[in-house]
Amino acid sequence: MAGSGLARLQQAGIAVHGPLLEEPARQLNRGFIKRHEQGEPWITIKSAMSLDGRTAMASGQSQWITSPAARADVQRLRAVSCAVVTGIGTVSCDDPAMTVREVSADDGAIRQPLRVVVDSQLKLSPEAALLRQAGAILVVTAEAADHPRAQALAAAKADLEVLQLAADSGRVDLAAL
Protein backbone atom coordinates (compact mmCIF):
# COMPACT_ATOMS: atom_id res chain seq x y z
CA MET A 1 0.00 0.00 0.00
CA ALA A 2 3.02 2.26 -0.48
CA GLY A 3 3.20 3.04 3.24
CA SER A 4 -0.46 3.93 3.67
CA GLY A 5 -1.82 0.48 4.51
CA LEU A 6 -2.41 1.12 8.22
CA ALA A 7 -4.15 4.43 7.57
CA ARG A 8 -6.44 2.83 4.98
CA LEU A 9 -7.37 0.05 7.38
CA GLN A 10 -8.15 2.60 10.09
CA GLN A 11 -10.23 4.70 7.65
CA ALA A 12 -12.23 1.56 6.89
CA GLY A 13 -13.05 1.25 10.60
CA ILE A 14 -10.65 -1.57 11.36
CA ALA A 15 -8.87 -1.35 14.71
CA VAL A 16 -5.13 -1.34 14.17
CA HIS A 17 -2.56 -2.02 16.90
CA GLY A 18 1.10 -1.65 16.31
CA PRO A 19 3.77 -1.71 15.51
CA LEU A 20 3.90 -5.27 16.87
CA LEU A 21 7.07 -7.36 16.80
CA GLU A 22 8.69 -4.69 14.64
CA GLU A 23 12.29 -5.74 15.25
CA PRO A 24 11.74 -9.47 14.49
CA ALA A 25 9.72 -8.49 11.40
CA ARG A 26 12.50 -6.17 10.20
CA GLN A 27 15.04 -8.96 10.76
CA LEU A 28 12.91 -11.45 8.84
CA ASN A 29 12.49 -9.05 5.91
CA ARG A 30 15.83 -7.23 6.08
CA GLY A 31 16.67 -7.65 2.40
CA PHE A 32 13.29 -6.32 1.29
CA ILE A 33 13.40 -3.45 3.77
CA LYS A 34 16.93 -2.36 2.87
CA ARG A 35 16.11 -2.44 -0.84
CA HIS A 36 13.01 -0.30 -0.33
CA GLU A 37 14.45 2.10 2.25
CA GLN A 38 17.94 2.55 0.79
CA GLY A 39 17.70 1.26 -2.77
CA GLU A 40 20.49 -1.25 -2.12
CA PRO A 41 20.62 -5.01 -1.61
CA TRP A 42 21.28 -6.71 1.72
CA ILE A 43 24.85 -8.01 1.55
CA THR A 44 26.49 -10.63 3.75
CA ILE A 45 30.27 -10.84 3.53
CA LYS A 46 32.04 -14.07 4.38
CA SER A 47 35.77 -14.11 4.91
CA ALA A 48 37.95 -16.65 6.64
CA MET A 49 41.02 -15.60 8.55
CA SER A 50 43.59 -17.52 10.54
CA LEU A 51 44.66 -16.50 14.06
CA ASP A 52 47.64 -14.62 12.63
CA GLY A 53 45.31 -12.46 10.49
CA ARG A 54 45.93 -14.18 7.16
CA THR A 55 43.41 -15.54 4.68
CA ALA A 56 45.83 -18.11 3.24
CA MET A 57 49.17 -19.69 4.00
CA ALA A 58 52.34 -18.24 2.50
CA SER A 59 52.03 -20.86 -0.27
CA GLY A 60 48.64 -19.44 -1.19
CA GLN A 61 46.77 -22.52 0.04
CA SER A 62 43.61 -21.59 1.91
CA GLN A 63 41.47 -24.71 1.88
CA TRP A 64 39.98 -25.64 5.25
CA ILE A 65 41.12 -22.50 7.02
CA THR A 66 37.70 -22.68 8.74
CA SER A 67 36.10 -25.30 10.95
CA PRO A 68 33.38 -27.72 9.82
CA ALA A 69 30.82 -25.65 11.78
CA ALA A 70 31.87 -22.47 9.96
CA ARG A 71 31.66 -24.24 6.60
CA ALA A 72 28.14 -25.43 7.49
CA ASP A 73 27.22 -21.81 8.30
CA VAL A 74 28.43 -20.80 4.83
CA GLN A 75 26.18 -23.41 3.25
CA ARG A 76 23.17 -22.11 5.21
CA LEU A 77 24.00 -18.52 4.17
CA ARG A 78 24.25 -19.56 0.51
CA ALA A 79 20.96 -21.43 0.72
CA VAL A 80 19.08 -18.26 1.70
CA SER A 81 20.97 -15.93 -0.64
CA CYS A 82 19.84 -14.74 -4.05
CA ALA A 83 23.41 -14.51 -5.31
CA VAL A 84 26.94 -15.50 -4.31
CA VAL A 85 29.64 -13.14 -5.56
CA THR A 86 33.37 -13.76 -5.75
CA GLY A 87 36.32 -12.38 -7.63
CA ILE A 88 38.41 -13.99 -10.32
CA GLY A 89 41.35 -14.29 -7.90
CA THR A 90 39.40 -16.70 -5.70
CA VAL A 91 38.16 -18.65 -8.71
CA SER A 92 41.69 -18.90 -10.14
CA CYS A 93 43.28 -20.00 -6.85
CA ASP A 94 40.56 -22.20 -5.32
CA ASP A 95 38.46 -23.33 -8.33
CA PRO A 96 35.26 -23.26 -6.22
CA ALA A 97 31.89 -24.66 -7.27
CA MET A 98 30.06 -21.85 -5.38
CA THR A 99 26.99 -24.07 -4.96
CA VAL A 100 24.81 -24.91 -1.97
CA ARG A 101 25.81 -28.30 -0.63
CA GLU A 102 25.16 -30.26 2.54
CA VAL A 103 21.96 -28.36 3.36
CA SER A 104 18.72 -30.28 3.47
CA ALA A 105 15.61 -28.66 2.09
CA ASP A 106 12.20 -29.61 3.44
CA ASP A 107 10.96 -30.59 -0.02
CA GLY A 108 14.22 -32.20 -1.10
CA ALA A 109 15.05 -29.42 -3.59
CA ILE A 110 17.79 -26.89 -2.95
CA ARG A 111 17.55 -23.55 -4.76
CA GLN A 112 20.95 -22.58 -6.07
CA PRO A 113 21.73 -18.87 -5.87
CA LEU A 114 22.99 -17.00 -8.92
CA ARG A 115 26.78 -17.35 -8.96
CA VAL A 116 28.51 -14.10 -9.88
CA VAL A 117 32.19 -13.79 -10.82
CA VAL A 118 33.72 -10.32 -10.90
CA ASP A 119 36.33 -10.67 -13.65
CA SER A 120 37.50 -7.34 -15.10
CA GLN A 121 39.68 -8.88 -17.80
CA LEU A 122 37.73 -12.09 -18.55
CA LYS A 123 40.35 -14.44 -17.15
CA LEU A 124 37.79 -17.10 -16.16
CA SER A 125 38.73 -20.45 -17.64
CA PRO A 126 36.05 -22.34 -19.60
CA GLU A 127 37.31 -25.35 -17.57
CA ALA A 128 36.47 -23.79 -14.16
CA ALA A 129 34.61 -26.05 -11.73
CA LEU A 130 31.72 -23.62 -11.33
CA LEU A 131 30.92 -23.97 -15.04
CA ARG A 132 30.40 -27.72 -14.58
CA GLN A 133 27.68 -27.21 -11.95
CA ALA A 134 23.98 -26.73 -12.54
CA GLY A 135 22.63 -23.22 -12.13
CA ALA A 136 22.99 -19.80 -13.66
CA ILE A 137 26.24 -17.83 -13.69
CA LEU A 138 26.84 -14.15 -14.28
CA VAL A 139 30.34 -13.03 -15.24
CA VAL A 140 30.74 -9.30 -14.73
CA THR A 141 33.58 -7.73 -16.67
CA ALA A 142 35.02 -4.49 -17.94
CA GLU A 143 35.55 -6.12 -21.34
CA ALA A 144 32.99 -5.98 -24.15
CA ALA A 145 30.39 -8.75 -24.01
CA ASP A 146 31.29 -9.75 -27.59
CA HIS A 147 34.95 -10.31 -26.64
CA PRO A 148 36.22 -13.75 -27.87
CA ARG A 149 36.80 -14.93 -24.26
CA ALA A 150 33.21 -13.98 -23.41
CA GLN A 151 32.02 -16.01 -26.38
CA ALA A 152 34.12 -19.00 -25.23
CA LEU A 153 32.56 -18.82 -21.76
CA ALA A 154 29.04 -18.60 -23.18
CA ALA A 155 29.78 -21.63 -25.36
CA ALA A 156 31.02 -23.57 -22.31
CA LYS A 157 27.77 -23.10 -20.36
CA ALA A 158 24.29 -22.40 -21.68
CA ASP A 159 23.03 -20.51 -18.64
CA LEU A 160 26.00 -18.16 -18.39
CA GLU A 161 25.63 -14.45 -19.02
CA VAL A 162 28.45 -11.95 -19.51
CA LEU A 163 27.67 -8.43 -18.36
CA GLN A 164 29.89 -5.44 -19.03
CA LEU A 165 29.99 -2.93 -16.17
CA ALA A 166 33.18 -0.98 -16.75
CA ALA A 167 34.33 1.84 -14.50
CA ASP A 168 36.68 4.56 -15.72
CA SER A 169 39.54 2.61 -14.10
CA GLY A 170 39.12 -0.26 -16.57
CA ARG A 171 37.83 -2.49 -13.77
CA VAL A 172 34.30 -3.62 -12.93
CA ASP A 173 32.10 -0.88 -11.51
CA LEU A 174 31.17 -2.49 -8.18
CA ALA A 175 28.64 0.21 -7.27
CA ALA A 176 26.79 -0.49 -10.53
CA LEU A 177 26.94 -4.22 -9.82
C-alpha atoms as a PDB file:
ATOM      1  CA  MET A   1       0.000   0.000   0.000  1.00  0.00           C
ATOM      2  CA  ALA A   2       3.020   2.263  -0.482  1.00  0.00           C
ATOM      3  CA  GLY A   3       3.196   3.043   3.235  1.00  0.00           C
ATOM      4  CA  SER A   4      -0.464   3.930   3.674  1.00  0.00           C
ATOM      5  CA  GLY A   5      -1.824   0.484   4.513  1.00  0.00           C
ATOM      6  CA  LEU A   6      -2.414   1.118   8.220  1.00  0.00           C
ATOM      7  CA  ALA A   7      -4.149   4.428   7.570  1.00  0.00           C
ATOM      8  CA  ARG A   8      -6.444   2.833   4.980  1.00  0.00           C
ATOM      9  CA  LEU A   9      -7.368   0.047   7.382  1.00  0.00           C
ATOM     10  CA  GLN A  10      -8.152   2.604  10.093  1.00  0.00           C
ATOM     11  CA  GLN A  11     -10.232   4.702   7.645  1.00  0.00           C
ATOM     12  CA  ALA A  12     -12.231   1.563   6.890  1.00  0.00           C
ATOM     13  CA  GLY A  13     -13.055   1.251  10.597  1.00  0.00           C
ATOM     14  CA  ILE A  14     -10.653  -1.570  11.359  1.00  0.00           C
ATOM     15  CA  ALA A  15      -8.866  -1.354  14.713  1.00  0.00           C
ATOM     16  CA  VAL A  16      -5.133  -1.345  14.170  1.00  0.00           C
ATOM     17  CA  HIS A  17      -2.558  -2.020  16.897  1.00  0.00           C
ATOM     18  CA  GLY A  18       1.097  -1.651  16.313  1.00  0.00           C
ATOM     19  CA  PRO A  19       3.773  -1.713  15.514  1.00  0.00           C
ATOM     20  CA  LEU A  20       3.898  -5.269  16.866  1.00  0.00           C
ATOM     21  CA  LEU A  21       7.072  -7.358  16.802  1.00  0.00           C
ATOM     22  CA  GLU A  22       8.685  -4.688  14.637  1.00  0.00           C
ATOM     23  CA  GLU A  23      12.289  -5.745  15.245  1.00  0.00           C
ATOM     24  CA  PRO A  24      11.741  -9.468  14.492  1.00  0.00           C
ATOM     25  CA  ALA A  25       9.718  -8.488  11.400  1.00  0.00           C
ATOM     26  CA  ARG A  26      12.501  -6.171  10.205  1.00  0.00           C
ATOM     27  CA  GLN A  27      15.041  -8.958  10.763  1.00  0.00           C
ATOM     28  CA  LEU A  28      12.911 -11.453   8.837  1.00  0.00           C
ATOM     29  CA  ASN A  29      12.490  -9.047   5.909  1.00  0.00           C
ATOM     30  CA  ARG A  30      15.827  -7.233   6.083  1.00  0.00           C
ATOM     31  CA  GLY A  31      16.669  -7.651   2.395  1.00  0.00           C
ATOM     32  CA  PHE A  32      13.286  -6.321   1.287  1.00  0.00           C
ATOM     33  CA  ILE A  33      13.403  -3.451   3.767  1.00  0.00           C
ATOM     34  CA  LYS A  34      16.934  -2.359   2.869  1.00  0.00           C
ATOM     35  CA  ARG A  35      16.109  -2.443  -0.839  1.00  0.00           C
ATOM     36  CA  HIS A  36      13.009  -0.300  -0.326  1.00  0.00           C
ATOM     37  CA  GLU A  37      14.445   2.103   2.249  1.00  0.00           C
ATOM     38  CA  GLN A  38      17.939   2.553   0.788  1.00  0.00           C
ATOM     39  CA  GLY A  39      17.699   1.256  -2.768  1.00  0.00           C
ATOM     40  CA  GLU A  40      20.494  -1.246  -2.124  1.00  0.00           C
ATOM     41  CA  PRO A  41      20.624  -5.008  -1.609  1.00  0.00           C
ATOM     42  CA  TRP A  42      21.280  -6.707   1.725  1.00  0.00           C
ATOM     43  CA  ILE A  43      24.846  -8.013   1.552  1.00  0.00           C
ATOM     44  CA  THR A  44      26.488 -10.628   3.750  1.00  0.00           C
ATOM     45  CA  ILE A  45      30.267 -10.836   3.530  1.00  0.00           C
ATOM     46  CA  LYS A  46      32.036 -14.070   4.379  1.00  0.00           C
ATOM     47  CA  SER A  47      35.768 -14.108   4.908  1.00  0.00           C
ATOM     48  CA  ALA A  48      37.949 -16.655   6.638  1.00  0.00           C
ATOM     49  CA  MET A  49      41.016 -15.605   8.553  1.00  0.00           C
ATOM     50  CA  SER A  50      43.590 -17.520  10.543  1.00  0.00           C
ATOM     51  CA  LEU A  51      44.662 -16.495  14.065  1.00  0.00           C
ATOM     52  CA  ASP A  52      47.645 -14.625  12.633  1.00  0.00           C
ATOM     53  CA  GLY A  53      45.314 -12.464  10.492  1.00  0.00           C
ATOM     54  CA  ARG A  54      45.930 -14.177   7.161  1.00  0.00           C
ATOM     55  CA  THR A  55      43.405 -15.544   4.676  1.00  0.00           C
ATOM     56  CA  ALA A  56      45.828 -18.111   3.237  1.00  0.00           C
ATOM     57  CA  MET A  57      49.175 -19.686   4.001  1.00  0.00           C
ATOM     58  CA  ALA A  58      52.345 -18.239   2.496  1.00  0.00           C
ATOM     59  CA  SER A  59      52.029 -20.861  -0.268  1.00  0.00           C
ATOM     60  CA  GLY A  60      48.635 -19.436  -1.192  1.00  0.00           C
ATOM     61  CA  GLN A  61      46.772 -22.521   0.038  1.00  0.00           C
ATOM     62  CA  SER A  62      43.606 -21.586   1.910  1.00  0.00           C
ATOM     63  CA  GLN A  63      41.467 -24.709   1.879  1.00  0.00           C
ATOM     64  CA  TRP A  64      39.984 -25.635   5.253  1.00  0.00           C
ATOM     65  CA  ILE A  65      41.116 -22.505   7.015  1.00  0.00           C
ATOM     66  CA  THR A  66      37.703 -22.677   8.738  1.00  0.00           C
ATOM     67  CA  SER A  67      36.098 -25.297  10.947  1.00  0.00           C
ATOM     68  CA  PRO A  68      33.385 -27.724   9.821  1.00  0.00           C
ATOM     69  CA  ALA A  69      30.819 -25.653  11.778  1.00  0.00           C
ATOM     70  CA  ALA A  70      31.867 -22.466   9.964  1.00  0.00           C
ATOM     71  CA  ARG A  71      31.663 -24.239   6.597  1.00  0.00           C
ATOM     72  CA  ALA A  72      28.138 -25.430   7.492  1.00  0.00           C
ATOM     73  CA  ASP A  73      27.223 -21.807   8.301  1.00  0.00           C
ATOM     74  CA  VAL A  74      28.433 -20.800   4.829  1.00  0.00           C
ATOM     75  CA  GLN A  75      26.181 -23.413   3.253  1.00  0.00           C
ATOM     76  CA  ARG A  76      23.167 -22.108   5.213  1.00  0.00           C
ATOM     77  CA  LEU A  77      23.996 -18.524   4.169  1.00  0.00           C
ATOM     78  CA  ARG A  78      24.248 -19.559   0.514  1.00  0.00           C
ATOM     79  CA  ALA A  79      20.961 -21.432   0.720  1.00  0.00           C
ATOM     80  CA  VAL A  80      19.083 -18.264   1.705  1.00  0.00           C
ATOM     81  CA  SER A  81      20.968 -15.928  -0.641  1.00  0.00           C
ATOM     82  CA  CYS A  82      19.839 -14.739  -4.052  1.00  0.00           C
ATOM     83  CA  ALA A  83      23.410 -14.511  -5.313  1.00  0.00           C
ATOM     84  CA  VAL A  84      26.937 -15.504  -4.313  1.00  0.00           C
ATOM     85  CA  VAL A  85      29.638 -13.141  -5.558  1.00  0.00           C
ATOM     86  CA  THR A  86      33.369 -13.756  -5.754  1.00  0.00           C
ATOM     87  CA  GLY A  87      36.323 -12.383  -7.629  1.00  0.00           C
ATOM     88  CA  ILE A  88      38.410 -13.991 -10.322  1.00  0.00           C
ATOM     89  CA  GLY A  89      41.347 -14.286  -7.898  1.00  0.00           C
ATOM     90  CA  THR A  90      39.403 -16.703  -5.703  1.00  0.00           C
ATOM     91  CA  VAL A  91      38.161 -18.651  -8.713  1.00  0.00           C
ATOM     92  CA  SER A  92      41.687 -18.901 -10.141  1.00  0.00           C
ATOM     93  CA  CYS A  93      43.283 -20.001  -6.853  1.00  0.00           C
ATOM     94  CA  ASP A  94      40.561 -22.201  -5.321  1.00  0.00           C
ATOM     95  CA  ASP A  95      38.455 -23.325  -8.329  1.00  0.00           C
ATOM     96  CA  PRO A  96      35.261 -23.263  -6.218  1.00  0.00           C
ATOM     97  CA  ALA A  97      31.888 -24.658  -7.268  1.00  0.00           C
ATOM     98  CA  MET A  98      30.057 -21.854  -5.379  1.00  0.00           C
ATOM     99  CA  THR A  99      26.985 -24.073  -4.957  1.00  0.00           C
ATOM    100  CA  VAL A 100      24.812 -24.909  -1.974  1.00  0.00           C
ATOM    101  CA  ARG A 101      25.809 -28.296  -0.628  1.00  0.00           C
ATOM    102  CA  GLU A 102      25.159 -30.260   2.540  1.00  0.00           C
ATOM    103  CA  VAL A 103      21.964 -28.361   3.365  1.00  0.00           C
ATOM    104  CA  SER A 104      18.722 -30.281   3.474  1.00  0.00           C
ATOM    105  CA  ALA A 105      15.614 -28.657   2.086  1.00  0.00           C
ATOM    106  CA  ASP A 106      12.202 -29.614   3.436  1.00  0.00           C
ATOM    107  CA  ASP A 107      10.959 -30.592  -0.021  1.00  0.00           C
ATOM    108  CA  GLY A 108      14.221 -32.197  -1.095  1.00  0.00           C
ATOM    109  CA  ALA A 109      15.055 -29.424  -3.588  1.00  0.00           C
ATOM    110  CA  ILE A 110      17.788 -26.891  -2.946  1.00  0.00           C
ATOM    111  CA  ARG A 111      17.555 -23.554  -4.757  1.00  0.00           C
ATOM    112  CA  GLN A 112      20.954 -22.584  -6.073  1.00  0.00           C
ATOM    113  CA  PRO A 113      21.734 -18.873  -5.874  1.00  0.00           C
ATOM    114  CA  LEU A 114      22.992 -16.996  -8.916  1.00  0.00           C
ATOM    115  CA  ARG A 115      26.776 -17.349  -8.960  1.00  0.00           C
ATOM    116  CA  VAL A 116      28.514 -14.097  -9.881  1.00  0.00           C
ATOM    117  CA  VAL A 117      32.186 -13.786 -10.818  1.00  0.00           C
ATOM    118  CA  VAL A 118      33.722 -10.317 -10.900  1.00  0.00           C
ATOM    119  CA  ASP A 119      36.331 -10.669 -13.654  1.00  0.00           C
ATOM    120  CA  SER A 120      37.497  -7.337 -15.098  1.00  0.00           C
ATOM    121  CA  GLN A 121      39.685  -8.883 -17.804  1.00  0.00           C
ATOM    122  CA  LEU A 122      37.726 -12.093 -18.551  1.00  0.00           C
ATOM    123  CA  LYS A 123      40.351 -14.445 -17.155  1.00  0.00           C
ATOM    124  CA  LEU A 124      37.787 -17.100 -16.163  1.00  0.00           C
ATOM    125  CA  SER A 125      38.731 -20.450 -17.644  1.00  0.00           C
ATOM    126  CA  PRO A 126      36.050 -22.337 -19.595  1.00  0.00           C
ATOM    127  CA  GLU A 127      37.311 -25.346 -17.570  1.00  0.00           C
ATOM    128  CA  ALA A 128      36.467 -23.793 -14.165  1.00  0.00           C
ATOM    129  CA  ALA A 129      34.607 -26.054 -11.730  1.00  0.00           C
ATOM    130  CA  LEU A 130      31.720 -23.624 -11.333  1.00  0.00           C
ATOM    131  CA  LEU A 131      30.922 -23.975 -15.040  1.00  0.00           C
ATOM    132  CA  ARG A 132      30.402 -27.717 -14.578  1.00  0.00           C
ATOM    133  CA  GLN A 133      27.680 -27.210 -11.949  1.00  0.00           C
ATOM    134  CA  ALA A 134      23.977 -26.732 -12.538  1.00  0.00           C
ATOM    135  CA  GLY A 135      22.631 -23.222 -12.130  1.00  0.00           C
ATOM    136  CA  ALA A 136      22.990 -19.799 -13.662  1.00  0.00           C
ATOM    137  CA  ILE A 137      26.236 -17.833 -13.686  1.00  0.00           C
ATOM    138  CA  LEU A 138      26.838 -14.148 -14.277  1.00  0.00           C
ATOM    139  CA  VAL A 139      30.339 -13.033 -15.243  1.00  0.00           C
ATOM    140  CA  VAL A 140      30.744  -9.295 -14.729  1.00  0.00           C
ATOM    141  CA  THR A 141      33.575  -7.731 -16.673  1.00  0.00           C
ATOM    142  CA  ALA A 142      35.017  -4.488 -17.935  1.00  0.00           C
ATOM    143  CA  GLU A 143      35.546  -6.119 -21.343  1.00  0.00           C
ATOM    144  CA  ALA A 144      32.988  -5.982 -24.149  1.00  0.00           C
ATOM    145  CA  ALA A 145      30.386  -8.754 -24.013  1.00  0.00           C
ATOM    146  CA  ASP A 146      31.294  -9.748 -27.590  1.00  0.00           C
ATOM    147  CA  HIS A 147      34.950 -10.312 -26.643  1.00  0.00           C
ATOM    148  CA  PRO A 148      36.219 -13.745 -27.870  1.00  0.00           C
ATOM    149  CA  ARG A 149      36.798 -14.931 -24.265  1.00  0.00           C
ATOM    150  CA  ALA A 150      33.208 -13.975 -23.412  1.00  0.00           C
ATOM    151  CA  GLN A 151      32.024 -16.010 -26.379  1.00  0.00           C
ATOM    152  CA  ALA A 152      34.122 -18.999 -25.227  1.00  0.00           C
ATOM    153  CA  LEU A 153      32.560 -18.824 -21.759  1.00  0.00           C
ATOM    154  CA  ALA A 154      29.045 -18.599 -23.178  1.00  0.00           C
ATOM    155  CA  ALA A 155      29.785 -21.630 -25.355  1.00  0.00           C
ATOM    156  CA  ALA A 156      31.024 -23.568 -22.313  1.00  0.00           C
ATOM    157  CA  LYS A 157      27.771 -23.105 -20.360  1.00  0.00           C
ATOM    158  CA  ALA A 158      24.291 -22.403 -21.682  1.00  0.00           C
ATOM    159  CA  ASP A 159      23.034 -20.506 -18.637  1.00  0.00           C
ATOM    160  CA  LEU A 160      26.000 -18.158 -18.389  1.00  0.00           C
ATOM    161  CA  GLU A 161      25.630 -14.455 -19.020  1.00  0.00           C
ATOM    162  CA  VAL A 162      28.448 -11.955 -19.507  1.00  0.00           C
ATOM    163  CA  LEU A 163      27.666  -8.428 -18.362  1.00  0.00           C
ATOM    164  CA  GLN A 164      29.889  -5.437 -19.032  1.00  0.00           C
ATOM    165  CA  LEU A 165      29.989  -2.932 -16.168  1.00  0.00           C
ATOM    166  CA  ALA A 166      33.177  -0.979 -16.747  1.00  0.00           C
ATOM    167  CA  ALA A 167      34.334   1.840 -14.502  1.00  0.00           C
ATOM    168  CA  ASP A 168      36.683   4.559 -15.717  1.00  0.00           C
ATOM    169  CA  SER A 169      39.541   2.609 -14.096  1.00  0.00           C
ATOM    170  CA  GLY A 170      39.117  -0.262 -16.571  1.00  0.00           C
ATOM    171  CA  ARG A 171      37.828  -2.486 -13.772  1.00  0.00           C
ATOM    172  CA  VAL A 172      34.300  -3.618 -12.931  1.00  0.00           C
ATOM    173  CA  ASP A 173      32.104  -0.877 -11.506  1.00  0.00           C
ATOM    174  CA  LEU A 174      31.168  -2.491  -8.179  1.00  0.00           C
ATOM    175  CA  ALA A 175      28.640   0.209  -7.270  1.00  0.00           C
ATOM    176  CA  ALA A 176      26.788  -0.492 -10.527  1.00  0.00           C
ATOM    177  CA  LEU A 177      26.937  -4.218  -9.816  1.00  0.00           C
END
